[in-house]
Amino acid sequence: MIQLLLLLAGILAPLTVNDTASASTNQPPEQAVLAVREEAQVSPQFFRTVNGISLDDRPADVITKKGQPLSVTKDKLLGTTEYHYKDTTVGFLEGIVDYVHIPDSAGGMKLNDTWIPFHDQKIKLMMGQEEFLADDGFGYVRDYRAIKIYQNQASGHITGADFFLEFGDE
């Protein structure tokens, strides 16, 4: 990680001296470098949490992390219970997190410890090329944990994201 930061600092060092870099980004050179560094270091090897929630969490863990939900609903057909928060919906199956949904109104998601705005170009810049495509979006899989980004295909607008376990074709 340190080698990556040193390499990135070496590549970006001219930006801190060159005034044309700050003129093109409308930011002071040091802020432009920090913004690039923040975006360049995401592409996580593992998906541990989304909006602070792990797929290993139980209801009590979620309440400890996010507080009491605004509402709780039950889906009798699927057998899930959902805790609804302003920026997150957490679905439980048999007492453990089954999925985490982030609505577009949240503006983005916090993956592990990094904020990722809901903009397809930013997502792909920060996470790399998508690993799967669907009619309603695209996604990424790391060690059986998946993130699907829902996207309106006509407008390109991101409509939300889900974090869940993915076991592939078995």
N, C-alpha and C. Protein backbone atom coordinates (compact mmCIF):
# COMPACT_ATOMS: atom_id res chain seq x y z
N MET A 1 0.83 -1.19 0.00
CA MET A 1 0.00 0.00 0.00
C MET A 1 0.87 1.25 0.00
N ILE A 2 1.94 1.22 0.83
CA ILE A 2 2.84 2.38 0.90
C ILE A 2 3.53 2.58 -0.45
N GLN A 3 3.93 1.45 -1.10
CA GLN A 3 4.56 1.57 -2.40
C GLN A 3 3.62 2.21 -3.41
N LEU A 4 2.33 1.83 -3.35
CA LEU A 4 1.34 2.41 -4.26
C LEU A 4 1.21 3.91 -4.02
N LEU A 5 1.17 4.31 -2.75
CA LEU A 5 1.05 5.74 -2.44
C LEU A 5 2.30 6.50 -2.89
N LEU A 6 3.48 5.90 -2.68
CA LEU A 6 4.71 6.56 -3.12
C LEU A 6 4.75 6.68 -4.64
N LEU A 7 4.35 5.61 -5.33
CA LEU A 7 4.30 5.65 -6.79
C LEU A 7 3.32 6.72 -7.25
N LEU A 8 2.15 6.75 -6.65
CA LEU A 8 1.14 7.73 -7.01
C LEU A 8 1.64 9.15 -6.72
N ALA A 9 2.31 9.33 -5.58
CA ALA A 9 2.85 10.65 -5.23
C ALA A 9 3.89 11.07 -6.25
N GLY A 10 4.72 10.13 -6.70
CA GLY A 10 5.74 10.45 -7.71
C GLY A 10 5.13 10.84 -9.04
N ILE A 11 4.08 10.13 -9.41
CA ILE A 11 3.41 10.44 -10.67
C ILE A 11 2.71 11.79 -10.60
N LEU A 12 2.11 12.08 -9.45
CA LEU A 12 1.32 13.29 -9.30
C LEU A 12 2.13 14.49 -8.83
N ALA A 13 3.39 14.28 -8.47
CA ALA A 13 4.21 15.38 -7.95
C ALA A 13 4.23 16.60 -8.86
N PRO A 14 4.31 16.44 -10.18
CA PRO A 14 4.29 17.64 -11.03
C PRO A 14 3.02 18.47 -10.88
N LEU A 15 1.92 17.85 -10.45
CA LEU A 15 0.68 18.62 -10.28
C LEU A 15 0.80 19.66 -9.18
N THR A 16 1.64 19.40 -8.19
CA THR A 16 1.75 20.34 -7.09
C THR A 16 2.58 21.56 -7.46
N VAL A 17 3.33 21.48 -8.56
CA VAL A 17 4.16 22.59 -8.99
C VAL A 17 3.52 23.35 -10.14
N ASN A 18 2.80 22.64 -10.98
CA ASN A 18 2.26 23.20 -12.21
C ASN A 18 0.94 23.91 -11.94
N ASP A 19 0.89 25.21 -12.18
CA ASP A 19 -0.34 25.99 -11.94
C ASP A 19 -1.44 25.64 -12.92
N THR A 20 -1.11 25.08 -14.09
CA THR A 20 -2.16 24.74 -15.04
C THR A 20 -3.02 23.61 -14.51
N ALA A 21 -2.47 22.76 -13.65
CA ALA A 21 -3.27 21.68 -13.07
C ALA A 21 -4.36 22.24 -12.20
N SER A 22 -4.05 23.23 -11.38
CA SER A 22 -5.07 23.79 -10.51
C SER A 22 -6.08 24.60 -11.30
N ALA A 23 -5.66 25.20 -12.38
CA ALA A 23 -6.59 25.98 -13.20
C ALA A 23 -7.61 25.06 -13.87
N SER A 24 -7.17 23.87 -14.30
CA SER A 24 -8.10 22.99 -15.00
C SER A 24 -9.08 22.31 -14.05
N THR A 25 -8.74 22.17 -12.76
CA THR A 25 -9.64 21.51 -11.82
C THR A 25 -10.35 22.50 -10.91
N ASN A 26 -9.99 23.81 -11.02
CA ASN A 26 -10.55 24.84 -10.16
C ASN A 26 -10.30 24.54 -8.69
N GLN A 27 -9.21 23.85 -8.38
CA GLN A 27 -8.82 23.55 -7.02
C GLN A 27 -7.36 23.92 -6.85
N PRO A 28 -6.95 24.28 -5.64
CA PRO A 28 -5.52 24.45 -5.40
C PRO A 28 -4.82 23.13 -5.71
N PRO A 29 -3.56 23.16 -6.16
CA PRO A 29 -2.86 21.94 -6.56
C PRO A 29 -2.89 20.84 -5.50
N GLU A 30 -2.68 21.19 -4.23
CA GLU A 30 -2.66 20.16 -3.19
C GLU A 30 -4.02 19.50 -3.02
N GLN A 31 -5.13 20.23 -3.23
CA GLN A 31 -6.46 19.63 -3.13
C GLN A 31 -6.73 18.72 -4.33
N ALA A 32 -6.25 19.10 -5.50
CA ALA A 32 -6.41 18.26 -6.69
C ALA A 32 -5.68 16.94 -6.49
N VAL A 33 -4.47 16.98 -5.93
CA VAL A 33 -3.71 15.77 -5.68
C VAL A 33 -4.42 14.90 -4.66
N LEU A 34 -4.93 15.49 -3.57
CA LEU A 34 -5.65 14.71 -2.56
C LEU A 34 -6.89 14.06 -3.14
N ALA A 35 -7.63 14.77 -3.99
CA ALA A 35 -8.84 14.21 -4.59
C ALA A 35 -8.49 13.01 -5.45
N VAL A 36 -7.42 13.10 -6.24
CA VAL A 36 -7.01 11.99 -7.09
C VAL A 36 -6.55 10.82 -6.24
N ARG A 37 -5.79 11.10 -5.18
CA ARG A 37 -5.32 10.03 -4.30
C ARG A 37 -6.49 9.32 -3.65
N GLU A 38 -7.50 10.05 -3.17
CA GLU A 38 -8.66 9.42 -2.53
C GLU A 38 -9.36 8.50 -3.50
N GLU A 39 -9.57 8.94 -4.74
CA GLU A 39 -10.28 8.14 -5.71
C GLU A 39 -9.45 6.96 -6.19
N ALA A 40 -8.15 7.11 -6.25
CA ALA A 40 -7.30 6.07 -6.80
C ALA A 40 -7.11 4.89 -5.86
N GLN A 41 -7.39 5.04 -4.57
CA GLN A 41 -7.07 3.97 -3.65
C GLN A 41 -8.27 3.13 -3.23
N VAL A 42 -9.35 3.13 -3.97
CA VAL A 42 -10.53 2.39 -3.54
C VAL A 42 -10.44 0.92 -3.93
N SER A 43 -10.67 0.58 -5.17
CA SER A 43 -10.73 -0.78 -5.68
C SER A 43 -10.43 -1.86 -4.63
N PRO A 44 -11.35 -2.08 -3.70
CA PRO A 44 -11.07 -2.98 -2.58
C PRO A 44 -10.96 -4.44 -3.00
N GLN A 45 -10.08 -5.13 -2.30
CA GLN A 45 -9.92 -6.56 -2.54
C GLN A 45 -11.08 -7.33 -1.92
N PHE A 46 -11.62 -6.80 -0.81
CA PHE A 46 -12.73 -7.44 -0.12
C PHE A 46 -13.81 -6.40 0.17
N PHE A 47 -15.07 -6.82 0.10
CA PHE A 47 -16.17 -5.97 0.51
C PHE A 47 -16.51 -6.38 1.95
N ARG A 48 -16.13 -5.56 2.93
CA ARG A 48 -16.42 -5.87 4.32
C ARG A 48 -17.75 -5.28 4.76
N THR A 49 -17.93 -3.99 4.48
CA THR A 49 -19.15 -3.31 4.91
C THR A 49 -19.64 -2.35 3.85
N VAL A 50 -20.94 -2.12 3.85
CA VAL A 50 -21.56 -1.06 3.06
C VAL A 50 -22.41 -0.26 4.03
N ASN A 51 -22.18 1.05 4.05
CA ASN A 51 -22.83 1.95 4.99
C ASN A 51 -22.71 1.44 6.43
N GLY A 52 -21.56 0.84 6.72
CA GLY A 52 -21.25 0.38 8.07
C GLY A 52 -21.80 -0.98 8.43
N ILE A 53 -22.53 -1.63 7.52
CA ILE A 53 -23.17 -2.90 7.81
C ILE A 53 -22.44 -4.04 7.11
N SER A 54 -22.19 -5.12 7.88
CA SER A 54 -21.55 -6.32 7.36
C SER A 54 -22.62 -7.38 7.09
N LEU A 55 -22.34 -8.28 6.18
CA LEU A 55 -23.28 -9.38 5.93
C LEU A 55 -23.25 -10.42 7.04
N ASP A 56 -22.36 -10.24 8.02
CA ASP A 56 -22.30 -11.11 9.18
C ASP A 56 -23.07 -10.54 10.37
N ASP A 57 -23.60 -9.33 10.23
CA ASP A 57 -24.28 -8.68 11.34
C ASP A 57 -25.64 -9.32 11.65
N ARG A 58 -26.01 -9.19 12.91
CA ARG A 58 -27.33 -9.63 13.39
C ARG A 58 -28.12 -8.36 13.71
N PRO A 59 -29.42 -8.46 13.94
CA PRO A 59 -30.22 -7.27 14.22
C PRO A 59 -29.65 -6.39 15.33
N ALA A 60 -29.18 -6.98 16.40
CA ALA A 60 -28.62 -6.19 17.51
C ALA A 60 -27.37 -5.41 17.06
N ASP A 61 -26.56 -6.03 16.18
CA ASP A 61 -25.36 -5.34 15.67
C ASP A 61 -25.76 -4.12 14.85
N VAL A 62 -26.78 -4.29 14.01
CA VAL A 62 -27.23 -3.19 13.16
C VAL A 62 -27.79 -2.06 14.01
N ILE A 63 -28.56 -2.39 15.03
CA ILE A 63 -29.10 -1.34 15.91
C ILE A 63 -27.97 -0.63 16.64
N THR A 64 -26.96 -1.36 17.06
CA THR A 64 -25.80 -0.74 17.71
C THR A 64 -25.11 0.23 16.75
N LYS A 65 -24.98 -0.16 15.50
CA LYS A 65 -24.28 0.66 14.50
C LYS A 65 -25.10 1.83 13.99
N LYS A 66 -26.41 1.62 13.77
CA LYS A 66 -27.23 2.63 13.10
C LYS A 66 -28.35 3.20 13.96
N GLY A 67 -28.56 2.63 15.13
CA GLY A 67 -29.65 3.08 15.97
C GLY A 67 -30.94 2.35 15.64
N GLN A 68 -32.02 2.78 16.28
CA GLN A 68 -33.32 2.17 16.02
C GLN A 68 -33.77 2.51 14.61
N PRO A 69 -34.32 1.54 13.88
CA PRO A 69 -34.79 1.82 12.52
C PRO A 69 -36.00 2.75 12.53
N LEU A 70 -36.18 3.47 11.41
CA LEU A 70 -37.36 4.32 11.25
C LEU A 70 -38.62 3.47 11.18
N SER A 71 -38.49 2.30 10.54
CA SER A 71 -39.60 1.35 10.48
C SER A 71 -39.05 -0.05 10.27
N VAL A 72 -39.91 -1.04 10.56
CA VAL A 72 -39.56 -2.44 10.36
C VAL A 72 -40.71 -3.06 9.58
N THR A 73 -40.37 -3.77 8.49
CA THR A 73 -41.39 -4.46 7.70
C THR A 73 -41.01 -5.92 7.56
N LYS A 74 -42.03 -6.74 7.32
CA LYS A 74 -41.80 -8.17 7.13
C LYS A 74 -42.38 -8.60 5.79
N ASP A 75 -41.62 -9.40 5.06
CA ASP A 75 -42.09 -9.95 3.79
C ASP A 75 -42.37 -11.43 4.04
N LYS A 76 -43.64 -11.77 4.14
CA LYS A 76 -44.02 -13.14 4.45
C LYS A 76 -43.64 -14.10 3.34
N LEU A 77 -43.68 -13.65 2.09
CA LEU A 77 -43.35 -14.50 0.96
C LEU A 77 -41.87 -14.90 0.99
N LEU A 78 -41.00 -13.91 1.20
CA LEU A 78 -39.56 -14.18 1.22
C LEU A 78 -39.04 -14.59 2.60
N GLY A 79 -39.82 -14.30 3.63
CA GLY A 79 -39.40 -14.63 4.99
C GLY A 79 -38.36 -13.67 5.54
N THR A 80 -38.28 -12.48 4.98
CA THR A 80 -37.29 -11.49 5.44
C THR A 80 -37.93 -10.42 6.30
N THR A 81 -37.11 -9.82 7.12
CA THR A 81 -37.48 -8.65 7.91
C THR A 81 -36.56 -7.52 7.49
N GLU A 82 -37.14 -6.36 7.22
CA GLU A 82 -36.33 -5.22 6.80
C GLU A 82 -36.34 -4.12 7.85
N TYR A 83 -35.13 -3.60 8.14
CA TYR A 83 -34.98 -2.42 8.98
C TYR A 83 -34.73 -1.26 8.03
N HIS A 84 -35.58 -0.25 8.12
CA HIS A 84 -35.49 0.90 7.22
C HIS A 84 -34.86 2.09 7.94
N TYR A 85 -33.78 2.60 7.34
CA TYR A 85 -33.11 3.81 7.81
C TYR A 85 -33.15 4.82 6.67
N LYS A 86 -32.80 6.06 6.97
CA LYS A 86 -32.86 7.11 5.95
C LYS A 86 -31.99 6.77 4.73
N ASP A 87 -30.78 6.25 4.97
CA ASP A 87 -29.84 6.01 3.88
C ASP A 87 -29.63 4.54 3.55
N THR A 88 -30.33 3.64 4.24
CA THR A 88 -30.05 2.21 4.11
C THR A 88 -31.28 1.39 4.49
N THR A 89 -31.50 0.30 3.77
CA THR A 89 -32.47 -0.71 4.19
C THR A 89 -31.68 -2.00 4.39
N VAL A 90 -31.86 -2.62 5.54
CA VAL A 90 -31.14 -3.85 5.87
C VAL A 90 -32.14 -4.99 5.93
N GLY A 91 -31.94 -6.00 5.09
CA GLY A 91 -32.81 -7.16 5.07
C GLY A 91 -32.18 -8.32 5.83
N PHE A 92 -32.96 -8.93 6.72
CA PHE A 92 -32.49 -10.06 7.53
C PHE A 92 -33.23 -11.32 7.11
N LEU A 93 -32.52 -12.42 7.09
CA LEU A 93 -33.11 -13.72 6.87
C LEU A 93 -32.55 -14.65 7.94
N GLU A 94 -33.42 -15.24 8.70
CA GLU A 94 -33.03 -16.14 9.79
C GLU A 94 -32.04 -15.49 10.75
N GLY A 95 -32.27 -14.20 11.05
CA GLY A 95 -31.50 -13.52 12.09
C GLY A 95 -30.14 -13.01 11.70
N ILE A 96 -29.85 -12.97 10.41
CA ILE A 96 -28.55 -12.44 9.95
C ILE A 96 -28.80 -11.59 8.70
N VAL A 97 -27.92 -10.61 8.47
CA VAL A 97 -28.10 -9.73 7.31
C VAL A 97 -28.05 -10.55 6.03
N ASP A 98 -29.09 -10.40 5.21
CA ASP A 98 -29.17 -11.06 3.91
C ASP A 98 -28.75 -10.09 2.81
N TYR A 99 -29.10 -8.82 2.97
CA TYR A 99 -28.74 -7.79 1.99
C TYR A 99 -28.80 -6.42 2.62
N VAL A 100 -28.10 -5.50 1.99
CA VAL A 100 -28.14 -4.09 2.36
C VAL A 100 -28.49 -3.35 1.08
N HIS A 101 -29.53 -2.53 1.13
CA HIS A 101 -29.93 -1.72 -0.03
C HIS A 101 -29.71 -0.25 0.27
N ILE A 102 -29.11 0.45 -0.68
CA ILE A 102 -28.89 1.89 -0.55
C ILE A 102 -29.70 2.56 -1.66
N PRO A 103 -30.65 3.42 -1.30
CA PRO A 103 -31.46 4.10 -2.33
C PRO A 103 -30.67 5.23 -2.98
N ASP A 104 -31.12 5.65 -4.15
CA ASP A 104 -30.43 6.74 -4.85
C ASP A 104 -30.46 8.03 -4.05
N SER A 105 -31.47 8.20 -3.20
CA SER A 105 -31.56 9.42 -2.39
C SER A 105 -30.38 9.57 -1.42
N ALA A 106 -29.65 8.48 -1.15
CA ALA A 106 -28.48 8.55 -0.28
C ALA A 106 -27.31 9.24 -0.99
N GLY A 107 -27.35 9.29 -2.31
CA GLY A 107 -26.31 9.98 -3.07
C GLY A 107 -25.05 9.17 -3.27
N GLY A 108 -24.96 8.03 -2.63
CA GLY A 108 -23.78 7.18 -2.74
C GLY A 108 -23.76 6.19 -1.60
N MET A 109 -22.64 5.48 -1.48
CA MET A 109 -22.52 4.49 -0.42
C MET A 109 -21.11 4.55 0.16
N LYS A 110 -21.00 4.10 1.39
CA LYS A 110 -19.71 4.01 2.03
C LYS A 110 -19.29 2.55 1.97
N LEU A 111 -18.35 2.24 1.10
CA LEU A 111 -17.83 0.89 0.93
C LEU A 111 -16.58 0.76 1.77
N ASN A 112 -16.61 -0.18 2.72
CA ASN A 112 -15.56 -0.29 3.74
C ASN A 112 -15.45 1.09 4.39
N ASP A 113 -14.40 1.83 4.17
CA ASP A 113 -14.28 3.16 4.78
C ASP A 113 -14.25 4.27 3.74
N THR A 114 -14.65 3.98 2.51
CA THR A 114 -14.54 4.94 1.42
C THR A 114 -15.91 5.31 0.86
N TRP A 115 -16.16 6.61 0.75
CA TRP A 115 -17.40 7.11 0.18
C TRP A 115 -17.31 7.01 -1.34
N ILE A 116 -18.34 6.40 -1.96
CA ILE A 116 -18.42 6.28 -3.41
C ILE A 116 -19.72 6.93 -3.86
N PRO A 117 -19.63 8.06 -4.56
CA PRO A 117 -20.86 8.73 -5.02
C PRO A 117 -21.56 7.92 -6.10
N PHE A 118 -22.88 8.06 -6.15
CA PHE A 118 -23.67 7.37 -7.17
C PHE A 118 -23.57 8.11 -8.51
N HIS A 119 -22.48 7.89 -9.17
CA HIS A 119 -22.25 8.40 -10.52
C HIS A 119 -21.46 7.32 -11.23
N ASP A 120 -21.99 6.79 -12.34
CA ASP A 120 -21.37 5.60 -12.94
C ASP A 120 -19.90 5.80 -13.28
N GLN A 121 -19.51 6.99 -13.72
CA GLN A 121 -18.10 7.23 -14.03
C GLN A 121 -17.24 7.18 -12.77
N LYS A 122 -17.72 7.76 -11.67
CA LYS A 122 -16.97 7.74 -10.41
C LYS A 122 -16.87 6.31 -9.89
N ILE A 123 -17.97 5.56 -9.96
CA ILE A 123 -17.95 4.18 -9.48
C ILE A 123 -16.91 3.38 -10.25
N LYS A 124 -16.91 3.50 -11.57
CA LYS A 124 -15.98 2.72 -12.39
C LYS A 124 -14.54 3.21 -12.21
N LEU A 125 -14.34 4.50 -12.00
CA LEU A 125 -13.01 5.02 -11.72
C LEU A 125 -12.49 4.45 -10.40
N MET A 126 -13.36 4.39 -9.41
CA MET A 126 -12.94 3.99 -8.08
C MET A 126 -12.89 2.47 -7.90
N MET A 127 -13.76 1.72 -8.61
CA MET A 127 -13.83 0.28 -8.40
C MET A 127 -13.34 -0.53 -9.59
N GLY A 128 -13.11 0.13 -10.70
CA GLY A 128 -12.65 -0.59 -11.88
C GLY A 128 -13.81 -1.00 -12.77
N GLN A 129 -13.47 -1.71 -13.82
CA GLN A 129 -14.48 -2.17 -14.78
C GLN A 129 -15.43 -3.14 -14.09
N GLU A 130 -16.71 -3.01 -14.40
CA GLU A 130 -17.71 -3.89 -13.79
C GLU A 130 -17.39 -5.35 -14.12
N GLU A 131 -17.81 -6.24 -13.23
CA GLU A 131 -17.54 -7.66 -13.41
C GLU A 131 -18.74 -8.42 -13.94
N PHE A 132 -19.93 -7.82 -13.80
CA PHE A 132 -21.10 -8.42 -14.43
C PHE A 132 -22.07 -7.33 -14.84
N LEU A 133 -22.83 -7.63 -15.87
CA LEU A 133 -23.83 -6.70 -16.40
C LEU A 133 -25.21 -7.34 -16.27
N ALA A 134 -26.22 -6.52 -16.08
CA ALA A 134 -27.60 -6.97 -16.02
C ALA A 134 -28.45 -5.94 -16.77
N ASP A 135 -29.68 -6.29 -17.05
CA ASP A 135 -30.57 -5.35 -17.74
C ASP A 135 -30.77 -4.07 -16.94
N ASP A 136 -30.68 -4.18 -15.63
CA ASP A 136 -30.96 -3.03 -14.77
C ASP A 136 -29.73 -2.51 -14.04
N GLY A 137 -28.52 -2.85 -14.52
CA GLY A 137 -27.33 -2.31 -13.88
C GLY A 137 -26.08 -3.14 -14.11
N PHE A 138 -25.16 -3.02 -13.17
CA PHE A 138 -23.87 -3.71 -13.28
C PHE A 138 -23.35 -3.97 -11.87
N GLY A 139 -22.31 -4.80 -11.76
CA GLY A 139 -21.84 -5.10 -10.42
C GLY A 139 -20.45 -5.66 -10.32
N TYR A 140 -20.09 -5.96 -9.07
CA TYR A 140 -18.76 -6.42 -8.70
C TYR A 140 -18.89 -7.55 -7.68
N VAL A 141 -17.97 -8.52 -7.73
CA VAL A 141 -17.97 -9.62 -6.77
C VAL A 141 -16.57 -9.76 -6.20
N ARG A 142 -16.49 -9.88 -4.90
CA ARG A 142 -15.22 -10.13 -4.20
C ARG A 142 -15.49 -11.19 -3.15
N ASP A 143 -14.86 -12.35 -3.29
CA ASP A 143 -14.93 -13.41 -2.30
C ASP A 143 -16.38 -13.69 -1.88
N TYR A 144 -17.23 -13.93 -2.86
CA TYR A 144 -18.65 -14.27 -2.66
C TYR A 144 -19.52 -13.13 -2.14
N ARG A 145 -18.97 -11.94 -2.03
CA ARG A 145 -19.76 -10.78 -1.63
C ARG A 145 -19.89 -9.88 -2.85
N ALA A 146 -21.12 -9.50 -3.15
CA ALA A 146 -21.38 -8.75 -4.37
C ALA A 146 -22.00 -7.40 -4.08
N ILE A 147 -21.73 -6.47 -4.97
CA ILE A 147 -22.40 -5.18 -4.97
C ILE A 147 -22.97 -4.99 -6.36
N LYS A 148 -24.28 -4.78 -6.39
CA LYS A 148 -24.94 -4.50 -7.66
C LYS A 148 -25.37 -3.05 -7.65
N ILE A 149 -25.02 -2.34 -8.71
CA ILE A 149 -25.40 -0.95 -8.90
C ILE A 149 -26.57 -0.95 -9.88
N TYR A 150 -27.71 -0.44 -9.43
CA TYR A 150 -28.89 -0.35 -10.29
C TYR A 150 -28.81 0.95 -11.08
N GLN A 151 -29.07 0.85 -12.39
CA GLN A 151 -28.93 2.01 -13.26
C GLN A 151 -30.06 2.02 -14.28
N ASN A 152 -30.68 3.19 -14.44
CA ASN A 152 -31.68 3.37 -15.48
C ASN A 152 -30.93 3.39 -16.81
N GLN A 153 -31.18 2.42 -17.64
CA GLN A 153 -30.41 2.29 -18.88
C GLN A 153 -30.66 3.44 -19.85
N ALA A 154 -31.85 4.01 -19.82
CA ALA A 154 -32.16 5.12 -20.74
C ALA A 154 -31.44 6.40 -20.33
N SER A 155 -31.46 6.71 -19.05
CA SER A 155 -30.89 7.98 -18.59
C SER A 155 -29.46 7.84 -18.04
N GLY A 156 -29.07 6.62 -17.65
CA GLY A 156 -27.77 6.41 -17.02
C GLY A 156 -27.78 6.72 -15.54
N HIS A 157 -28.91 7.19 -15.00
CA HIS A 157 -29.03 7.57 -13.60
C HIS A 157 -28.92 6.34 -12.70
N ILE A 158 -28.09 6.43 -11.65
CA ILE A 158 -27.97 5.36 -10.68
C ILE A 158 -29.20 5.41 -9.77
N THR A 159 -29.90 4.29 -9.63
CA THR A 159 -31.14 4.26 -8.86
C THR A 159 -30.99 3.56 -7.51
N GLY A 160 -29.79 3.04 -7.21
CA GLY A 160 -29.56 2.41 -5.93
C GLY A 160 -28.47 1.36 -6.03
N ALA A 161 -28.23 0.69 -4.92
CA ALA A 161 -27.21 -0.36 -4.88
C ALA A 161 -27.61 -1.40 -3.84
N ASP A 162 -27.20 -2.64 -4.08
CA ASP A 162 -27.40 -3.73 -3.13
C ASP A 162 -26.07 -4.39 -2.81
N PHE A 163 -25.93 -4.83 -1.57
CA PHE A 163 -24.77 -5.57 -1.08
C PHE A 163 -25.31 -6.91 -0.60
N PHE A 164 -24.77 -8.03 -1.10
CA PHE A 164 -25.33 -9.34 -0.77
C PHE A 164 -24.30 -10.43 -1.04
N LEU A 165 -24.61 -11.65 -0.58
CA LEU A 165 -23.76 -12.79 -0.87
C LEU A 165 -24.08 -13.32 -2.26
N GLU A 166 -23.05 -13.67 -3.01
CA GLU A 166 -23.19 -14.18 -4.37
C GLU A 166 -22.45 -15.52 -4.45
N PHE A 167 -23.18 -16.56 -4.76
CA PHE A 167 -22.54 -17.86 -4.82
C PHE A 167 -22.33 -18.35 -6.24
N GLY A 168 -22.75 -17.57 -7.24
CA GLY A 168 -22.51 -17.93 -8.63
C GLY A 168 -23.30 -19.15 -9.06
N ASP A 169 -22.89 -19.71 -10.17
CA ASP A 169 -23.55 -20.91 -10.72
C ASP A 169 -22.92 -22.14 -10.10
N GLU A 170 -23.68 -22.81 -9.26
CA GLU A 170 -23.14 -24.00 -8.61
C GLU A 170 -23.79 -25.24 -9.15
